[in-house]
C-alpha cells in the first residue's frame, strides 16, 4: 500500500491543477492526473467518464469528503479499478453515498451507514465501515 501511495502521489505534471478549488460537485471528470493542495469536496453527484482502459489519478494533500446520498457515476466504459484517489489526509464517505475507485489513504477512511463503494480501501491508519458495503472490482 505504501509503495502504491508513494508512486501515485509522486506523479508529476498534472493535467488538472486545483480544479474547482477542490469542490468537484456536479462535475464530469475526464481521464488524467488531477492534483489539489487543498481537500476535495463532493456535495453533488460526480460523473467519471472515459474508456475502459483510461486511468484517473486524483491526488490531494488534504482530506476527501463526500456528502450523504451523493453518487459517483461511471460513464463511457470507465471502470472503478482504473480510478485512484490518493489522499494525504482522511476520507469520509457520507451516509447512503456511492463511491467509485481505489482509495490510497495516508491516514484513515470512514464509510458511514449504507454507504456503498465499488473499489478498494487501503489506509495506513484505519478503515471504518459503519454498516457500509465495499465491492471489489474485477481485475
N, C-alpha and C. Protein backbone atom coordinates (compact mmCIF):
# COMPACT_ATOMS: atom_id res chain seq x y z
N UNK A 1 0.82 -1.19 0.00
CA UNK A 1 0.00 0.00 0.00
C UNK A 1 0.86 1.25 0.00
N UNK A 2 1.90 1.26 0.84
CA UNK A 2 2.75 2.44 0.91
C UNK A 2 3.48 2.68 -0.40
N UNK A 3 3.90 1.61 -1.07
CA UNK A 3 4.56 1.75 -2.37
C UNK A 3 3.61 2.33 -3.41
N UNK A 4 2.39 1.83 -3.44
CA UNK A 4 1.38 2.34 -4.38
C UNK A 4 1.05 3.80 -4.07
N UNK A 5 0.90 4.14 -2.78
CA UNK A 5 0.60 5.50 -2.37
C UNK A 5 1.72 6.45 -2.82
N UNK A 6 2.95 6.09 -2.52
CA UNK A 6 4.10 6.93 -2.87
C UNK A 6 4.21 7.12 -4.38
N UNK A 7 4.03 6.03 -5.12
CA UNK A 7 4.10 6.11 -6.59
C UNK A 7 3.01 7.04 -7.13
N UNK A 8 1.78 6.85 -6.70
CA UNK A 8 0.67 7.64 -7.22
C UNK A 8 0.77 9.11 -6.78
N UNK A 9 1.23 9.37 -5.56
CA UNK A 9 1.31 10.74 -5.07
C UNK A 9 2.47 11.50 -5.73
N UNK A 10 3.49 10.79 -6.18
CA UNK A 10 4.66 11.47 -6.74
C UNK A 10 4.59 11.68 -8.25
N UNK A 11 3.49 11.29 -8.87
CA UNK A 11 3.37 11.50 -10.32
C UNK A 11 3.42 13.00 -10.63
N UNK A 12 4.32 13.42 -11.53
CA UNK A 12 4.44 14.85 -11.85
C UNK A 12 3.53 15.26 -13.02
N UNK A 13 3.46 16.56 -13.21
CA UNK A 13 2.78 17.11 -14.38
C UNK A 13 1.30 16.85 -14.46
N UNK A 14 0.51 17.34 -13.48
CA UNK A 14 -0.93 17.08 -13.54
C UNK A 14 -1.57 17.69 -14.79
N UNK A 15 -2.61 17.01 -15.28
CA UNK A 15 -3.41 17.54 -16.39
C UNK A 15 -4.37 18.61 -15.88
N UNK A 16 -4.76 18.48 -14.61
CA UNK A 16 -5.71 19.42 -13.99
C UNK A 16 -5.16 19.79 -12.62
N UNK A 17 -4.98 21.09 -12.38
CA UNK A 17 -4.42 21.56 -11.11
C UNK A 17 -5.44 22.43 -10.40
N UNK A 18 -5.79 22.05 -9.18
CA UNK A 18 -6.72 22.80 -8.32
C UNK A 18 -8.11 22.97 -8.95
N UNK A 19 -8.56 21.98 -9.72
CA UNK A 19 -9.87 22.05 -10.37
C UNK A 19 -10.96 22.35 -9.35
N UNK A 20 -11.75 23.38 -9.62
CA UNK A 20 -12.86 23.75 -8.73
C UNK A 20 -12.42 24.13 -7.34
N UNK A 21 -11.15 24.44 -7.18
CA UNK A 21 -10.57 24.72 -5.86
C UNK A 21 -10.91 23.60 -4.87
N UNK A 22 -10.98 22.38 -5.40
CA UNK A 22 -11.25 21.22 -4.57
C UNK A 22 -12.70 20.79 -4.52
N UNK A 23 -13.62 21.65 -4.94
CA UNK A 23 -15.04 21.30 -4.94
C UNK A 23 -15.38 20.74 -6.33
N UNK A 24 -15.50 19.41 -6.43
CA UNK A 24 -15.77 18.78 -7.72
C UNK A 24 -17.24 18.42 -7.88
N UNK A 25 -18.08 18.95 -7.03
CA UNK A 25 -19.52 18.68 -7.04
C UNK A 25 -20.11 18.96 -8.42
N UNK A 26 -20.86 17.98 -8.95
CA UNK A 26 -21.56 18.15 -10.21
C UNK A 26 -20.71 18.10 -11.46
N UNK A 27 -19.40 17.89 -11.33
CA UNK A 27 -18.53 17.90 -12.49
C UNK A 27 -18.51 16.55 -13.21
N UNK A 28 -18.10 16.60 -14.48
CA UNK A 28 -17.81 15.40 -15.26
C UNK A 28 -16.29 15.38 -15.45
N UNK A 29 -15.65 14.30 -15.02
CA UNK A 29 -14.20 14.22 -14.98
C UNK A 29 -13.66 13.27 -16.05
N UNK A 30 -12.82 13.82 -16.92
CA UNK A 30 -12.17 13.05 -17.99
C UNK A 30 -10.93 12.35 -17.43
N UNK A 31 -10.39 11.37 -18.16
CA UNK A 31 -9.18 10.70 -17.70
C UNK A 31 -8.02 11.69 -17.53
N UNK A 32 -7.12 11.37 -16.62
CA UNK A 32 -5.95 12.21 -16.42
C UNK A 32 -5.51 12.24 -14.98
N UNK A 33 -4.50 13.08 -14.74
CA UNK A 33 -3.94 13.28 -13.41
C UNK A 33 -4.45 14.62 -12.88
N UNK A 34 -5.10 14.56 -11.72
CA UNK A 34 -5.66 15.73 -11.06
C UNK A 34 -4.90 15.95 -9.76
N UNK A 35 -4.63 17.22 -9.42
CA UNK A 35 -3.90 17.49 -8.19
C UNK A 35 -4.48 18.69 -7.47
N UNK A 36 -4.61 18.54 -6.13
CA UNK A 36 -5.06 19.62 -5.27
C UNK A 36 -4.13 19.74 -4.08
N UNK A 37 -3.87 21.00 -3.66
CA UNK A 37 -3.12 21.23 -2.43
C UNK A 37 -4.07 21.54 -1.28
N UNK A 38 -5.35 21.42 -1.56
CA UNK A 38 -6.39 21.55 -0.54
C UNK A 38 -7.17 20.24 -0.52
N UNK A 39 -8.24 20.19 0.22
CA UNK A 39 -9.08 19.00 0.25
C UNK A 39 -9.97 18.91 -0.97
N UNK A 40 -10.64 17.75 -1.11
CA UNK A 40 -11.60 17.52 -2.18
C UNK A 40 -12.97 17.35 -1.52
N UNK A 41 -13.96 18.08 -2.07
CA UNK A 41 -15.31 18.03 -1.54
C UNK A 41 -16.27 17.60 -2.63
N UNK A 42 -17.18 16.67 -2.29
CA UNK A 42 -18.22 16.22 -3.22
C UNK A 42 -19.57 16.47 -2.54
N UNK A 43 -20.29 17.51 -3.01
CA UNK A 43 -21.59 17.87 -2.44
C UNK A 43 -22.74 17.55 -3.38
N UNK A 44 -22.42 17.11 -4.61
CA UNK A 44 -23.42 16.73 -5.61
C UNK A 44 -22.79 15.62 -6.45
N UNK A 45 -23.64 14.87 -7.14
CA UNK A 45 -23.16 13.74 -7.95
C UNK A 45 -22.02 14.16 -8.87
N UNK A 46 -21.05 13.26 -9.06
CA UNK A 46 -19.90 13.46 -9.93
C UNK A 46 -19.91 12.34 -10.97
N UNK A 47 -19.64 12.68 -12.23
CA UNK A 47 -19.56 11.68 -13.30
C UNK A 47 -18.11 11.53 -13.72
N UNK A 48 -17.66 10.29 -13.77
CA UNK A 48 -16.31 9.97 -14.25
C UNK A 48 -16.49 9.26 -15.58
N UNK A 49 -16.01 9.90 -16.66
CA UNK A 49 -16.28 9.38 -17.99
C UNK A 49 -15.01 9.15 -18.79
N UNK A 50 -15.00 8.03 -19.50
CA UNK A 50 -13.86 7.67 -20.34
C UNK A 50 -13.97 6.22 -20.76
N UNK A 51 -12.98 5.74 -21.48
CA UNK A 51 -12.98 4.37 -21.96
C UNK A 51 -12.58 3.37 -20.89
N UNK A 52 -12.75 2.08 -21.22
CA UNK A 52 -12.50 1.02 -20.24
C UNK A 52 -11.04 0.89 -19.83
N UNK A 53 -10.11 1.41 -20.64
CA UNK A 53 -8.69 1.34 -20.31
C UNK A 53 -8.11 2.66 -19.83
N UNK A 54 -8.94 3.70 -19.76
CA UNK A 54 -8.47 5.00 -19.29
C UNK A 54 -8.20 4.97 -17.79
N UNK A 55 -7.33 5.90 -17.34
CA UNK A 55 -6.91 5.95 -15.94
C UNK A 55 -7.13 7.36 -15.40
N UNK A 56 -7.58 7.42 -14.16
CA UNK A 56 -7.76 8.66 -13.42
C UNK A 56 -6.94 8.55 -12.14
N UNK A 57 -6.15 9.58 -11.85
CA UNK A 57 -5.44 9.66 -10.57
C UNK A 57 -5.79 11.01 -9.97
N UNK A 58 -6.36 10.97 -8.76
CA UNK A 58 -6.73 12.17 -8.04
C UNK A 58 -5.83 12.27 -6.81
N UNK A 59 -4.97 13.30 -6.78
CA UNK A 59 -4.03 13.49 -5.68
C UNK A 59 -4.48 14.69 -4.84
N UNK A 60 -4.49 14.51 -3.52
CA UNK A 60 -4.74 15.66 -2.64
C UNK A 60 -3.87 15.58 -1.39
N UNK A 61 -3.35 16.72 -1.00
CA UNK A 61 -2.59 16.79 0.25
C UNK A 61 -3.52 17.01 1.44
N UNK A 62 -4.81 17.20 1.15
CA UNK A 62 -5.81 17.40 2.21
C UNK A 62 -6.69 16.19 2.40
N UNK A 63 -7.94 16.44 2.80
CA UNK A 63 -8.94 15.40 3.04
C UNK A 63 -9.84 15.22 1.83
N UNK A 64 -10.57 14.12 1.80
CA UNK A 64 -11.62 13.87 0.81
C UNK A 64 -12.91 13.66 1.56
N UNK A 65 -13.92 14.47 1.22
CA UNK A 65 -15.21 14.39 1.91
C UNK A 65 -16.33 14.31 0.88
N UNK A 66 -17.19 13.29 1.03
CA UNK A 66 -18.34 13.12 0.14
C UNK A 66 -19.60 13.19 0.98
N UNK A 67 -20.50 14.10 0.60
CA UNK A 67 -21.73 14.32 1.36
C UNK A 67 -22.66 13.11 1.27
N UNK A 68 -23.54 13.02 2.21
CA UNK A 68 -24.53 11.94 2.25
C UNK A 68 -25.39 11.93 0.99
N UNK A 69 -25.75 10.73 0.55
CA UNK A 69 -26.69 10.46 -0.55
C UNK A 69 -26.22 11.02 -1.90
N UNK A 70 -24.93 11.27 -2.05
CA UNK A 70 -24.38 11.70 -3.34
C UNK A 70 -23.77 10.48 -4.03
N UNK A 71 -23.55 10.58 -5.33
CA UNK A 71 -23.09 9.42 -6.09
C UNK A 71 -21.96 9.77 -7.05
N UNK A 72 -21.08 8.83 -7.24
CA UNK A 72 -20.13 8.87 -8.34
C UNK A 72 -20.70 7.96 -9.40
N UNK A 73 -20.78 8.47 -10.61
CA UNK A 73 -21.38 7.75 -11.72
C UNK A 73 -20.32 7.50 -12.77
N UNK A 74 -20.19 6.25 -13.21
CA UNK A 74 -19.23 5.91 -14.26
C UNK A 74 -19.94 5.95 -15.61
N UNK A 75 -19.27 6.51 -16.62
CA UNK A 75 -19.86 6.62 -17.95
C UNK A 75 -18.82 6.30 -19.02
N UNK A 76 -19.31 5.85 -20.18
CA UNK A 76 -18.44 5.62 -21.33
C UNK A 76 -17.52 4.42 -21.21
N UNK A 77 -17.76 3.55 -20.26
CA UNK A 77 -16.91 2.39 -20.08
C UNK A 77 -15.90 2.52 -18.95
N UNK A 78 -15.86 3.67 -18.26
CA UNK A 78 -14.94 3.87 -17.14
C UNK A 78 -15.11 2.75 -16.12
N UNK A 79 -13.99 2.34 -15.53
CA UNK A 79 -14.01 1.23 -14.56
C UNK A 79 -13.38 1.66 -13.24
N UNK A 80 -14.00 1.25 -12.14
CA UNK A 80 -13.53 1.60 -10.80
C UNK A 80 -12.09 1.18 -10.57
N UNK A 81 -11.67 0.08 -11.15
CA UNK A 81 -10.30 -0.41 -10.93
C UNK A 81 -9.23 0.50 -11.52
N UNK A 82 -9.64 1.45 -12.38
CA UNK A 82 -8.70 2.38 -13.02
C UNK A 82 -8.78 3.79 -12.44
N UNK A 83 -9.47 3.94 -11.31
CA UNK A 83 -9.65 5.25 -10.68
C UNK A 83 -8.93 5.20 -9.32
N UNK A 84 -7.95 6.09 -9.13
CA UNK A 84 -7.14 6.09 -7.91
C UNK A 84 -7.29 7.42 -7.19
N UNK A 85 -7.69 7.35 -5.94
CA UNK A 85 -7.82 8.52 -5.07
C UNK A 85 -6.67 8.44 -4.07
N UNK A 86 -5.73 9.36 -4.16
CA UNK A 86 -4.52 9.35 -3.32
C UNK A 86 -4.65 10.52 -2.35
N UNK A 87 -4.90 10.19 -1.09
CA UNK A 87 -5.32 11.20 -0.10
C UNK A 87 -4.33 11.22 1.07
N UNK A 88 -3.71 12.39 1.29
CA UNK A 88 -2.78 12.52 2.41
C UNK A 88 -3.51 12.67 3.74
N UNK A 89 -4.70 13.24 3.72
CA UNK A 89 -5.50 13.41 4.94
C UNK A 89 -6.40 12.22 5.16
N UNK A 90 -7.62 12.49 5.62
CA UNK A 90 -8.57 11.39 5.84
C UNK A 90 -9.69 11.44 4.80
N UNK A 91 -10.44 10.34 4.74
CA UNK A 91 -11.56 10.22 3.80
C UNK A 91 -12.82 9.95 4.60
N UNK A 92 -13.90 10.68 4.26
CA UNK A 92 -15.20 10.45 4.88
C UNK A 92 -16.25 10.38 3.78
N UNK A 93 -16.90 9.22 3.65
CA UNK A 93 -17.96 9.00 2.67
C UNK A 93 -19.28 8.99 3.45
N UNK A 94 -20.17 9.91 3.09
CA UNK A 94 -21.40 10.13 3.86
C UNK A 94 -22.41 9.00 3.79
N UNK A 95 -23.38 9.07 4.67
CA UNK A 95 -24.47 8.10 4.77
C UNK A 95 -25.19 7.96 3.43
N UNK A 96 -25.32 6.74 2.96
CA UNK A 96 -26.05 6.46 1.73
C UNK A 96 -25.37 6.92 0.45
N UNK A 97 -24.14 7.39 0.53
CA UNK A 97 -23.41 7.84 -0.66
C UNK A 97 -22.84 6.62 -1.41
N UNK A 98 -22.53 6.83 -2.70
CA UNK A 98 -21.90 5.77 -3.50
C UNK A 98 -20.60 6.30 -4.10
N UNK A 99 -19.51 5.55 -3.88
CA UNK A 99 -18.16 5.97 -4.27
C UNK A 99 -17.57 4.96 -5.24
N UNK A 100 -16.73 5.43 -6.16
CA UNK A 100 -16.07 4.57 -7.15
C UNK A 100 -14.56 4.77 -7.10
N UNK A 101 -13.80 3.68 -7.09
CA UNK A 101 -12.35 3.77 -7.22
C UNK A 101 -11.59 3.13 -6.08
N UNK A 102 -10.28 3.22 -6.21
CA UNK A 102 -9.34 2.67 -5.24
C UNK A 102 -8.86 3.81 -4.35
N UNK A 103 -9.09 3.69 -3.04
CA UNK A 103 -8.64 4.70 -2.09
C UNK A 103 -7.28 4.31 -1.53
N UNK A 104 -6.31 5.17 -1.71
CA UNK A 104 -4.98 5.02 -1.11
C UNK A 104 -4.84 6.18 -0.13
N UNK A 105 -5.06 5.90 1.15
CA UNK A 105 -5.15 6.96 2.14
C UNK A 105 -4.02 6.87 3.16
N UNK A 106 -3.34 7.98 3.35
CA UNK A 106 -2.22 8.01 4.30
C UNK A 106 -2.71 7.91 5.74
N UNK A 107 -3.95 8.30 6.00
CA UNK A 107 -4.46 8.22 7.37
C UNK A 107 -5.63 7.25 7.44
N UNK A 108 -6.87 7.76 7.60
CA UNK A 108 -8.00 6.86 7.83
C UNK A 108 -9.14 7.11 6.85
N UNK A 109 -9.94 6.07 6.65
CA UNK A 109 -11.12 6.11 5.78
C UNK A 109 -12.33 5.69 6.60
N UNK A 110 -13.44 6.46 6.47
CA UNK A 110 -14.69 6.11 7.13
C UNK A 110 -15.81 6.12 6.10
N UNK A 111 -16.52 5.00 6.00
CA UNK A 111 -17.73 4.92 5.18
C UNK A 111 -18.90 4.80 6.15
N UNK A 112 -19.78 5.80 6.12
CA UNK A 112 -20.89 5.84 7.07
C UNK A 112 -22.02 4.90 6.65
N UNK A 113 -23.03 4.79 7.47
CA UNK A 113 -24.14 3.86 7.30
C UNK A 113 -24.73 3.90 5.89
N UNK A 114 -24.88 2.71 5.31
CA UNK A 114 -25.45 2.49 3.97
C UNK A 114 -24.62 3.08 2.84
N UNK A 115 -23.41 3.55 3.11
CA UNK A 115 -22.53 3.98 2.02
C UNK A 115 -22.11 2.73 1.25
N UNK A 116 -21.96 2.88 -0.06
CA UNK A 116 -21.51 1.78 -0.89
C UNK A 116 -20.31 2.24 -1.70
N UNK A 117 -19.51 1.25 -2.11
CA UNK A 117 -18.31 1.58 -2.85
C UNK A 117 -17.94 0.43 -3.77
N UNK A 118 -17.63 0.75 -5.02
CA UNK A 118 -17.00 -0.20 -5.93
C UNK A 118 -15.53 0.17 -5.98
N UNK A 119 -14.70 -0.67 -5.40
CA UNK A 119 -13.28 -0.35 -5.35
C UNK A 119 -12.59 -1.06 -4.21
N UNK A 120 -11.55 -0.42 -3.74
CA UNK A 120 -10.76 -0.95 -2.63
C UNK A 120 -10.47 0.17 -1.64
N UNK A 121 -10.34 -0.20 -0.37
CA UNK A 121 -9.98 0.75 0.67
C UNK A 121 -8.63 0.32 1.24
N UNK A 122 -7.63 1.16 1.03
CA UNK A 122 -6.30 0.91 1.57
C UNK A 122 -5.90 2.13 2.38
N UNK A 123 -5.75 1.96 3.70
CA UNK A 123 -5.44 3.06 4.59
C UNK A 123 -4.29 2.67 5.51
N UNK A 124 -3.42 3.63 5.81
CA UNK A 124 -2.28 3.34 6.66
C UNK A 124 -2.64 3.34 8.15
N UNK A 125 -3.76 3.97 8.51
CA UNK A 125 -4.13 4.03 9.92
C UNK A 125 -5.34 3.17 10.24
N UNK A 126 -6.49 3.44 9.58
CA UNK A 126 -7.71 2.70 9.89
C UNK A 126 -8.71 2.79 8.75
N UNK A 127 -9.51 1.75 8.61
CA UNK A 127 -10.65 1.74 7.69
C UNK A 127 -11.87 1.39 8.52
N UNK A 128 -12.84 2.31 8.59
CA UNK A 128 -14.03 2.12 9.42
C UNK A 128 -15.25 2.03 8.51
N UNK A 129 -15.95 0.90 8.60
CA UNK A 129 -17.16 0.70 7.83
C UNK A 129 -18.33 0.62 8.80
N UNK A 130 -19.20 1.62 8.75
CA UNK A 130 -20.37 1.64 9.64
C UNK A 130 -21.56 1.09 8.85
N UNK A 131 -21.70 -0.21 8.82
CA UNK A 131 -22.77 -0.86 8.05
C UNK A 131 -22.72 -0.42 6.59
N UNK A 132 -21.51 -0.35 6.04
CA UNK A 132 -21.29 0.05 4.66
C UNK A 132 -20.87 -1.17 3.84
N UNK A 133 -20.93 -1.04 2.52
CA UNK A 133 -20.61 -2.16 1.64
C UNK A 133 -19.52 -1.74 0.66
N UNK A 134 -18.47 -2.55 0.56
CA UNK A 134 -17.39 -2.34 -0.41
C UNK A 134 -17.34 -3.56 -1.30
N UNK A 135 -17.47 -3.35 -2.63
CA UNK A 135 -17.41 -4.43 -3.60
C UNK A 135 -16.13 -4.28 -4.39
N UNK A 136 -15.29 -5.32 -4.35
CA UNK A 136 -14.03 -5.29 -5.09
C UNK A 136 -14.30 -5.41 -6.58
N UNK A 137 -13.76 -4.48 -7.38
CA UNK A 137 -14.00 -4.55 -8.83
C UNK A 137 -13.22 -5.70 -9.46
N UNK A 138 -13.73 -6.27 -10.54
CA UNK A 138 -12.98 -7.33 -11.22
C UNK A 138 -11.70 -6.78 -11.82
N UNK A 139 -10.69 -7.63 -11.86
CA UNK A 139 -9.41 -7.20 -12.44
C UNK A 139 -9.43 -7.21 -13.92
